[in-house]
Amino acid sequence: MDLMADGPWNWCIAGRIEPGSVTAALAGALDRPVHGMVPGEDLMCDVYHVGGDFPTVVDIYLTPAGVVEETIASAVAVRLRSAVLLPDDTLNPTRYVVAEPDGTLRAVHVDERETDDGTERRHLRPCTGSDPACALPAGCGRSRWKPDPTPERPAAA
């Protein structure tokens, strides 16, 4: 697994979660203090709100070395009882990894729309390999988060 050093991590959370709840969940998952945007602190977290299905945006700066982002996102999702959306390892702009409230990690696609308040993410759907977004040059099949075909949405041939 890839290790992050000195971040940033950029996540979105389903539901409008207050900043104090987000920083408390992150602090619990990392077992260390998390601060707002206070210069000089080692782990800073900015939380703000936009529209869409994942309206709470979390930017985490100066993340600790040796910590896997997906593991921490999963722990935060469990603590908040809310899905956390984080970038995956492709360059596909619609593809993410979602950490479910039960801690499960899976590849998904979302639609994005730019607004004056920031990027809104809507219409979460599983990455099955048959989604039109999977056909983009930054293909989903190249990811370590492989598409997960379902009976309703079989993999593309």
N, C-alpha and C. Protein backbone atom coordinates (compact mmCIF):
# COMPACT_ATOMS: atom_id res chain seq x y z
N MET A 1 0.84 -1.18 0.00
CA MET A 1 0.00 0.00 0.00
C MET A 1 0.88 1.24 0.00
N ASP A 2 0.36 2.29 -0.63
CA ASP A 2 1.10 3.53 -0.68
C ASP A 2 1.01 4.23 0.67
N LEU A 3 2.10 4.87 1.04
CA LEU A 3 2.12 5.63 2.28
C LEU A 3 2.15 7.10 1.94
N MET A 4 1.40 7.89 2.65
CA MET A 4 1.35 9.32 2.43
C MET A 4 2.30 10.00 3.40
N ALA A 5 2.90 11.07 2.96
CA ALA A 5 3.70 11.90 3.84
C ALA A 5 3.41 13.35 3.51
N ASP A 6 3.01 14.11 4.51
CA ASP A 6 2.78 15.53 4.35
C ASP A 6 1.65 15.88 3.39
N GLY A 7 0.65 15.03 3.25
CA GLY A 7 -0.61 15.24 2.55
C GLY A 7 -0.55 16.17 1.36
N PRO A 8 -1.61 16.77 0.97
CA PRO A 8 -2.92 16.82 1.62
C PRO A 8 -3.83 15.66 1.24
N TRP A 9 -4.85 15.47 2.06
CA TRP A 9 -5.94 14.56 1.75
C TRP A 9 -7.16 15.45 1.51
N ASN A 10 -7.95 15.10 0.51
CA ASN A 10 -9.15 15.87 0.19
C ASN A 10 -10.33 14.91 0.11
N TRP A 11 -11.26 15.05 1.05
CA TRP A 11 -12.39 14.15 1.16
C TRP A 11 -13.70 14.93 1.08
N CYS A 12 -14.77 14.20 0.82
CA CYS A 12 -16.14 14.73 0.91
C CYS A 12 -16.94 13.73 1.72
N ILE A 13 -17.86 14.24 2.52
CA ILE A 13 -18.64 13.39 3.40
C ILE A 13 -20.12 13.55 3.08
N ALA A 14 -20.83 12.42 3.03
CA ALA A 14 -22.27 12.45 2.81
C ALA A 14 -22.93 13.06 4.04
N GLY A 15 -23.76 14.03 3.83
CA GLY A 15 -24.43 14.70 4.94
C GLY A 15 -23.68 15.95 5.35
N ARG A 16 -24.39 16.84 5.96
CA ARG A 16 -23.81 18.11 6.43
C ARG A 16 -23.31 17.88 7.86
N ILE A 17 -22.02 17.64 7.99
CA ILE A 17 -21.40 17.33 9.28
C ILE A 17 -20.69 18.57 9.80
N GLU A 18 -20.86 18.88 11.07
CA GLU A 18 -20.22 20.05 11.65
C GLU A 18 -18.70 19.85 11.76
N PRO A 19 -17.93 20.92 11.58
CA PRO A 19 -16.47 20.81 11.62
C PRO A 19 -15.93 20.15 12.89
N GLY A 20 -16.50 20.46 14.04
CA GLY A 20 -16.02 19.86 15.28
C GLY A 20 -16.18 18.34 15.30
N SER A 21 -17.25 17.85 14.73
CA SER A 21 -17.46 16.40 14.66
C SER A 21 -16.45 15.75 13.72
N VAL A 22 -16.15 16.42 12.61
CA VAL A 22 -15.17 15.89 11.66
C VAL A 22 -13.78 15.84 12.29
N THR A 23 -13.36 16.93 12.91
CA THR A 23 -12.01 16.95 13.50
C THR A 23 -11.91 15.96 14.66
N ALA A 24 -12.99 15.79 15.43
CA ALA A 24 -12.96 14.81 16.52
C ALA A 24 -12.83 13.39 15.97
N ALA A 25 -13.57 13.07 14.90
CA ALA A 25 -13.47 11.74 14.29
C ALA A 25 -12.08 11.50 13.72
N LEU A 26 -11.53 12.50 13.08
CA LEU A 26 -10.18 12.39 12.51
C LEU A 26 -9.14 12.23 13.61
N ALA A 27 -9.27 12.99 14.68
CA ALA A 27 -8.35 12.87 15.80
C ALA A 27 -8.42 11.48 16.43
N GLY A 28 -9.62 10.94 16.54
CA GLY A 28 -9.77 9.59 17.10
C GLY A 28 -9.17 8.54 16.19
N ALA A 29 -9.34 8.69 14.89
CA ALA A 29 -8.79 7.71 13.95
C ALA A 29 -7.27 7.75 13.91
N LEU A 30 -6.70 8.95 14.05
CA LEU A 30 -5.24 9.10 14.00
C LEU A 30 -4.58 9.02 15.37
N ASP A 31 -5.38 9.09 16.42
CA ASP A 31 -4.88 9.09 17.79
C ASP A 31 -3.88 10.23 18.00
N ARG A 32 -4.28 11.41 17.54
CA ARG A 32 -3.45 12.61 17.72
C ARG A 32 -4.33 13.83 17.55
N PRO A 33 -3.91 14.98 18.05
CA PRO A 33 -4.73 16.19 17.92
C PRO A 33 -4.85 16.63 16.47
N VAL A 34 -6.00 17.17 16.15
CA VAL A 34 -6.26 17.75 14.84
C VAL A 34 -6.72 19.18 15.08
N HIS A 35 -6.13 20.10 14.36
CA HIS A 35 -6.43 21.52 14.55
C HIS A 35 -7.12 22.08 13.32
N GLY A 36 -7.83 23.18 13.52
CA GLY A 36 -8.35 23.92 12.39
C GLY A 36 -7.17 24.51 11.64
N MET A 37 -7.40 25.50 10.88
CA MET A 37 -6.34 26.10 10.08
C MET A 37 -5.50 27.04 10.94
N VAL A 38 -4.72 26.45 11.86
CA VAL A 38 -3.88 27.20 12.78
C VAL A 38 -2.44 27.08 12.31
N PRO A 39 -1.84 28.17 11.83
CA PRO A 39 -0.45 28.09 11.37
C PRO A 39 0.47 27.57 12.46
N GLY A 40 1.40 26.71 12.07
CA GLY A 40 2.37 26.16 13.01
C GLY A 40 1.97 24.83 13.61
N GLU A 41 0.71 24.44 13.47
CA GLU A 41 0.29 23.15 13.98
C GLU A 41 0.64 22.08 12.97
N ASP A 42 0.83 20.85 13.44
CA ASP A 42 1.31 19.80 12.55
C ASP A 42 0.23 19.10 11.74
N LEU A 43 -1.01 19.08 12.18
CA LEU A 43 -2.08 18.44 11.42
C LEU A 43 -3.26 19.40 11.38
N MET A 44 -3.44 20.04 10.23
CA MET A 44 -4.49 21.04 10.09
C MET A 44 -5.62 20.49 9.23
N CYS A 45 -6.83 20.89 9.55
CA CYS A 45 -8.01 20.37 8.86
C CYS A 45 -8.97 21.53 8.60
N ASP A 46 -9.32 21.71 7.33
CA ASP A 46 -10.30 22.72 6.94
C ASP A 46 -11.59 21.99 6.55
N VAL A 47 -12.69 22.37 7.14
CA VAL A 47 -13.99 21.74 6.86
C VAL A 47 -14.95 22.84 6.42
N TYR A 48 -15.59 22.64 5.27
CA TYR A 48 -16.57 23.60 4.79
C TYR A 48 -17.66 22.86 4.03
N HIS A 49 -18.70 23.59 3.67
CA HIS A 49 -19.87 22.95 3.07
C HIS A 49 -20.16 23.50 1.68
N VAL A 50 -20.60 22.59 0.81
CA VAL A 50 -21.06 22.91 -0.54
C VAL A 50 -22.40 22.20 -0.71
N GLY A 51 -22.94 22.18 -1.91
CA GLY A 51 -24.17 21.45 -2.17
C GLY A 51 -23.85 20.01 -2.57
N GLY A 52 -24.85 19.30 -3.04
CA GLY A 52 -24.67 17.95 -3.55
C GLY A 52 -24.92 16.87 -2.51
N ASP A 53 -24.62 15.64 -2.90
CA ASP A 53 -24.84 14.48 -2.04
C ASP A 53 -23.71 14.29 -1.02
N PHE A 54 -22.59 14.95 -1.24
CA PHE A 54 -21.44 14.90 -0.33
C PHE A 54 -21.06 16.33 0.02
N PRO A 55 -21.91 17.00 0.82
CA PRO A 55 -21.75 18.44 1.01
C PRO A 55 -20.67 18.88 1.99
N THR A 56 -20.12 17.98 2.77
CA THR A 56 -19.08 18.37 3.71
C THR A 56 -17.73 18.07 3.08
N VAL A 57 -16.95 19.11 2.84
CA VAL A 57 -15.64 18.98 2.22
C VAL A 57 -14.59 19.09 3.31
N VAL A 58 -13.61 18.18 3.28
CA VAL A 58 -12.56 18.13 4.29
C VAL A 58 -11.21 18.14 3.60
N ASP A 59 -10.40 19.14 3.91
CA ASP A 59 -9.03 19.23 3.41
C ASP A 59 -8.10 19.07 4.60
N ILE A 60 -7.25 18.05 4.54
CA ILE A 60 -6.37 17.72 5.66
C ILE A 60 -4.93 17.94 5.19
N TYR A 61 -4.21 18.77 5.91
CA TYR A 61 -2.85 19.16 5.53
C TYR A 61 -1.82 18.58 6.48
N LEU A 62 -0.63 18.32 5.96
CA LEU A 62 0.50 17.80 6.72
C LEU A 62 0.15 16.48 7.41
N THR A 63 -0.32 15.54 6.61
CA THR A 63 -0.73 14.25 7.14
C THR A 63 0.49 13.45 7.60
N PRO A 64 0.31 12.56 8.55
CA PRO A 64 1.44 11.81 9.08
C PRO A 64 1.99 10.79 8.08
N ALA A 65 3.30 10.63 8.08
CA ALA A 65 3.95 9.62 7.24
C ALA A 65 3.60 8.24 7.78
N GLY A 66 3.54 7.26 6.89
CA GLY A 66 3.32 5.88 7.31
C GLY A 66 1.88 5.53 7.59
N VAL A 67 0.96 6.43 7.25
CA VAL A 67 -0.46 6.19 7.47
C VAL A 67 -1.14 6.09 6.11
N VAL A 68 -1.94 5.06 5.91
CA VAL A 68 -2.64 4.85 4.65
C VAL A 68 -3.95 5.63 4.67
N GLU A 69 -4.11 6.51 3.69
CA GLU A 69 -5.28 7.39 3.64
C GLU A 69 -6.59 6.63 3.69
N GLU A 70 -6.72 5.55 2.92
CA GLU A 70 -7.97 4.81 2.88
C GLU A 70 -8.34 4.22 4.24
N THR A 71 -7.35 3.80 4.99
CA THR A 71 -7.59 3.25 6.33
C THR A 71 -8.17 4.30 7.25
N ILE A 72 -7.59 5.49 7.21
CA ILE A 72 -8.08 6.57 8.08
C ILE A 72 -9.46 7.03 7.62
N ALA A 73 -9.67 7.16 6.32
CA ALA A 73 -11.00 7.54 5.82
C ALA A 73 -12.06 6.53 6.26
N SER A 74 -11.72 5.26 6.21
CA SER A 74 -12.64 4.22 6.64
C SER A 74 -12.97 4.37 8.13
N ALA A 75 -11.97 4.62 8.94
CA ALA A 75 -12.19 4.79 10.38
C ALA A 75 -13.03 6.04 10.66
N VAL A 76 -12.83 7.10 9.90
CA VAL A 76 -13.63 8.32 10.06
C VAL A 76 -15.07 8.05 9.64
N ALA A 77 -15.28 7.32 8.56
CA ALA A 77 -16.63 6.99 8.11
C ALA A 77 -17.39 6.22 9.19
N VAL A 78 -16.72 5.28 9.82
CA VAL A 78 -17.35 4.51 10.89
C VAL A 78 -17.70 5.43 12.06
N ARG A 79 -16.76 6.28 12.46
CA ARG A 79 -17.00 7.18 13.59
C ARG A 79 -18.15 8.16 13.32
N LEU A 80 -18.23 8.66 12.08
CA LEU A 80 -19.28 9.63 11.75
C LEU A 80 -20.58 8.98 11.31
N ARG A 81 -20.54 7.65 11.06
CA ARG A 81 -21.69 6.91 10.52
C ARG A 81 -22.18 7.56 9.22
N SER A 82 -21.19 7.93 8.39
CA SER A 82 -21.50 8.60 7.13
C SER A 82 -20.42 8.25 6.10
N ALA A 83 -20.81 8.10 4.86
CA ALA A 83 -19.86 7.74 3.80
C ALA A 83 -18.86 8.87 3.55
N VAL A 84 -17.62 8.47 3.30
CA VAL A 84 -16.54 9.41 2.99
C VAL A 84 -16.03 9.09 1.59
N LEU A 85 -15.98 10.10 0.76
CA LEU A 85 -15.52 9.96 -0.62
C LEU A 85 -14.11 10.52 -0.72
N LEU A 86 -13.18 9.71 -1.27
CA LEU A 86 -11.80 10.16 -1.42
C LEU A 86 -11.29 9.79 -2.81
N PRO A 87 -10.31 10.53 -3.33
CA PRO A 87 -9.80 10.24 -4.66
C PRO A 87 -9.22 8.83 -4.75
N ASP A 88 -9.32 8.24 -5.93
CA ASP A 88 -8.71 6.93 -6.14
C ASP A 88 -7.35 7.11 -6.79
N ASP A 89 -6.80 6.05 -7.34
CA ASP A 89 -5.45 6.09 -7.91
C ASP A 89 -5.44 6.21 -9.43
N THR A 90 -6.57 6.60 -10.03
CA THR A 90 -6.60 6.85 -11.47
C THR A 90 -6.63 8.36 -11.69
N LEU A 91 -6.55 8.75 -12.93
CA LEU A 91 -6.72 10.16 -13.29
C LEU A 91 -8.12 10.42 -13.81
N ASN A 92 -9.02 9.45 -13.63
CA ASN A 92 -10.40 9.58 -14.07
C ASN A 92 -11.11 10.56 -13.12
N PRO A 93 -11.58 11.69 -13.63
CA PRO A 93 -12.14 12.72 -12.74
C PRO A 93 -13.45 12.35 -12.07
N THR A 94 -14.13 11.31 -12.53
CA THR A 94 -15.40 10.92 -11.90
C THR A 94 -15.24 9.74 -10.95
N ARG A 95 -14.07 9.19 -10.85
CA ARG A 95 -13.87 7.95 -10.08
C ARG A 95 -13.27 8.24 -8.72
N TYR A 96 -13.85 7.62 -7.72
CA TYR A 96 -13.44 7.79 -6.32
C TYR A 96 -13.47 6.45 -5.62
N VAL A 97 -12.98 6.45 -4.40
CA VAL A 97 -13.17 5.34 -3.48
C VAL A 97 -14.11 5.87 -2.41
N VAL A 98 -15.12 5.08 -2.06
CA VAL A 98 -16.01 5.47 -0.98
C VAL A 98 -15.74 4.56 0.21
N ALA A 99 -15.59 5.19 1.37
CA ALA A 99 -15.53 4.47 2.63
C ALA A 99 -16.94 4.51 3.21
N GLU A 100 -17.56 3.35 3.28
CA GLU A 100 -18.94 3.25 3.76
C GLU A 100 -19.00 3.40 5.28
N PRO A 101 -20.16 3.71 5.84
CA PRO A 101 -20.28 3.83 7.30
C PRO A 101 -19.92 2.56 8.06
N ASP A 102 -19.91 1.41 7.39
CA ASP A 102 -19.49 0.17 8.06
C ASP A 102 -18.00 -0.10 7.86
N GLY A 103 -17.29 0.82 7.19
CA GLY A 103 -15.85 0.68 6.98
C GLY A 103 -15.47 0.06 5.65
N THR A 104 -16.43 -0.45 4.88
CA THR A 104 -16.15 -1.06 3.59
C THR A 104 -15.61 -0.01 2.62
N LEU A 105 -14.61 -0.40 1.83
CA LEU A 105 -14.05 0.47 0.79
C LEU A 105 -14.40 -0.11 -0.57
N ARG A 106 -14.87 0.75 -1.50
CA ARG A 106 -15.17 0.27 -2.85
C ARG A 106 -15.04 1.42 -3.84
N ALA A 107 -14.80 1.05 -5.11
CA ALA A 107 -14.68 2.04 -6.18
C ALA A 107 -16.07 2.47 -6.64
N VAL A 108 -16.21 3.78 -6.90
CA VAL A 108 -17.48 4.34 -7.35
C VAL A 108 -17.22 5.44 -8.37
N HIS A 109 -18.29 5.87 -9.00
CA HIS A 109 -18.27 7.06 -9.85
C HIS A 109 -19.27 8.05 -9.29
N VAL A 110 -19.01 9.33 -9.47
CA VAL A 110 -19.95 10.39 -9.11
C VAL A 110 -19.94 11.43 -10.23
N ASP A 111 -21.03 12.14 -10.35
CA ASP A 111 -21.08 13.27 -11.27
C ASP A 111 -20.66 14.51 -10.50
N GLU A 112 -19.88 15.37 -11.14
CA GLU A 112 -19.43 16.60 -10.50
C GLU A 112 -19.96 17.80 -11.26
N ARG A 113 -20.25 18.85 -10.49
CA ARG A 113 -20.70 20.11 -11.08
C ARG A 113 -20.05 21.25 -10.31
N GLU A 114 -19.41 22.15 -11.06
CA GLU A 114 -18.78 23.32 -10.43
C GLU A 114 -19.84 24.37 -10.12
N THR A 115 -19.77 24.92 -8.91
CA THR A 115 -20.67 26.00 -8.51
C THR A 115 -19.83 27.12 -7.91
N ASP A 116 -20.45 28.23 -7.60
CA ASP A 116 -19.74 29.33 -6.95
C ASP A 116 -19.23 28.95 -5.57
N ASP A 117 -19.89 27.98 -4.92
CA ASP A 117 -19.50 27.55 -3.58
C ASP A 117 -18.46 26.43 -3.60
N GLY A 118 -18.22 25.82 -4.75
CA GLY A 118 -17.28 24.71 -4.86
C GLY A 118 -17.87 23.58 -5.67
N THR A 119 -17.15 22.50 -5.75
CA THR A 119 -17.58 21.36 -6.55
C THR A 119 -18.63 20.54 -5.80
N GLU A 120 -19.76 20.31 -6.47
CA GLU A 120 -20.81 19.45 -5.92
C GLU A 120 -20.66 18.07 -6.53
N ARG A 121 -20.82 17.05 -5.71
CA ARG A 121 -20.76 15.66 -6.18
C ARG A 121 -22.10 15.00 -5.93
N ARG A 122 -22.64 14.38 -7.00
CA ARG A 122 -23.96 13.77 -6.94
C ARG A 122 -23.96 12.46 -7.71
N HIS A 123 -25.01 11.69 -7.51
CA HIS A 123 -25.29 10.46 -8.26
C HIS A 123 -24.16 9.43 -8.09
N LEU A 124 -23.93 9.02 -6.88
CA LEU A 124 -22.96 7.96 -6.59
C LEU A 124 -23.44 6.65 -7.18
N ARG A 125 -22.54 5.95 -7.85
CA ARG A 125 -22.88 4.65 -8.42
C ARG A 125 -21.64 3.78 -8.40
N PRO A 126 -21.81 2.47 -8.30
CA PRO A 126 -20.64 1.58 -8.25
C PRO A 126 -19.86 1.60 -9.55
N CYS A 127 -18.58 1.43 -9.46
CA CYS A 127 -17.74 1.27 -10.65
C CYS A 127 -17.82 -0.20 -11.04
N THR A 128 -18.50 -0.46 -12.15
CA THR A 128 -18.70 -1.84 -12.59
C THR A 128 -17.86 -2.19 -13.81
N GLY A 129 -17.22 -1.18 -14.40
CA GLY A 129 -16.50 -1.40 -15.64
C GLY A 129 -17.37 -1.11 -16.85
N SER A 130 -18.70 -1.02 -16.66
CA SER A 130 -19.61 -0.74 -17.77
C SER A 130 -20.12 0.70 -17.77
N ASP A 131 -19.83 1.46 -16.73
CA ASP A 131 -20.24 2.85 -16.67
C ASP A 131 -19.55 3.61 -17.80
N PRO A 132 -20.23 4.51 -18.49
CA PRO A 132 -19.57 5.28 -19.55
C PRO A 132 -18.30 5.98 -19.07
N ALA A 133 -18.25 6.36 -17.80
CA ALA A 133 -17.06 7.01 -17.27
C ALA A 133 -15.86 6.07 -17.22
N CYS A 134 -16.11 4.76 -17.20
CA CYS A 134 -15.02 3.78 -17.17
C CYS A 134 -14.27 3.75 -18.49
N ALA A 135 -14.89 4.22 -19.55
CA ALA A 135 -14.27 4.19 -20.87
C ALA A 135 -13.29 5.33 -21.10
N LEU A 136 -13.18 6.26 -20.17
CA LEU A 136 -12.23 7.36 -20.33
C LEU A 136 -10.81 6.81 -20.41
N PRO A 137 -9.90 7.55 -21.04
CA PRO A 137 -8.52 7.07 -21.18
C PRO A 137 -7.85 6.68 -19.85
N ALA A 138 -8.16 7.39 -18.78
CA ALA A 138 -7.62 7.03 -17.46
C ALA A 138 -8.49 5.91 -16.91
N GLY A 139 -8.41 4.74 -17.51
CA GLY A 139 -9.32 3.64 -17.27
C GLY A 139 -9.34 3.10 -15.87
N CYS A 140 -10.53 2.65 -15.49
CA CYS A 140 -10.75 2.09 -14.16
C CYS A 140 -10.04 0.76 -13.96
N GLY A 141 -9.83 0.01 -15.05
CA GLY A 141 -9.18 -1.29 -14.95
C GLY A 141 -7.72 -1.21 -14.55
N ARG A 142 -7.13 -0.02 -14.63
CA ARG A 142 -5.73 0.16 -14.25
C ARG A 142 -5.55 0.39 -12.75
N SER A 143 -6.63 0.58 -12.06
CA SER A 143 -6.60 0.90 -10.64
C SER A 143 -6.40 -0.34 -9.79
N ARG A 144 -5.87 -0.15 -8.59
CA ARG A 144 -5.85 -1.27 -7.64
C ARG A 144 -7.25 -1.48 -7.06
N TRP A 145 -8.15 -0.52 -7.26
CA TRP A 145 -9.56 -0.63 -6.88
C TRP A 145 -10.31 -1.06 -8.13
N LYS A 146 -10.34 -2.34 -8.40
CA LYS A 146 -10.92 -2.88 -9.63
C LYS A 146 -12.43 -2.66 -9.69
N PRO A 147 -12.95 -2.48 -10.93
CA PRO A 147 -14.41 -2.43 -11.08
C PRO A 147 -15.04 -3.70 -10.52
N ASP A 148 -16.25 -3.56 -10.03
CA ASP A 148 -16.95 -4.67 -9.41
C ASP A 148 -18.25 -4.92 -10.16
N PRO A 149 -18.21 -5.77 -11.20
CA PRO A 149 -19.43 -6.04 -11.97
C PRO A 149 -20.52 -6.64 -11.07
N THR A 150 -21.75 -6.31 -11.40
CA THR A 150 -22.91 -6.86 -10.69
C THR A 150 -23.82 -7.52 -11.72
N PRO A 151 -24.76 -8.35 -11.32
CA PRO A 151 -25.68 -8.94 -12.28
C PRO A 151 -26.44 -7.89 -13.09
N GLU A 152 -26.76 -6.77 -12.45
CA GLU A 152 -27.48 -5.70 -13.14
C GLU A 152 -26.58 -4.92 -14.09
N ARG A 153 -25.28 -4.88 -13.77
CA ARG A 153 -24.34 -4.10 -14.57
C ARG A 153 -23.08 -4.94 -14.81
N PRO A 154 -23.13 -5.84 -15.78
CA PRO A 154 -21.97 -6.67 -16.05
C PRO A 154 -20.81 -5.84 -16.59
N ALA A 155 -19.61 -6.38 -16.45
CA ALA A 155 -18.41 -5.69 -16.92
C ALA A 155 -18.47 -5.54 -18.43
N ALA A 156 -17.85 -4.46 -18.89
CA ALA A 156 -17.77 -4.24 -20.34
C ALA A 156 -16.89 -5.31 -20.96
N ALA A 157 -17.21 -5.68 -22.18
CA ALA A 157 -16.45 -6.73 -22.87
C ALA A 157 -15.07 -6.25 -23.27
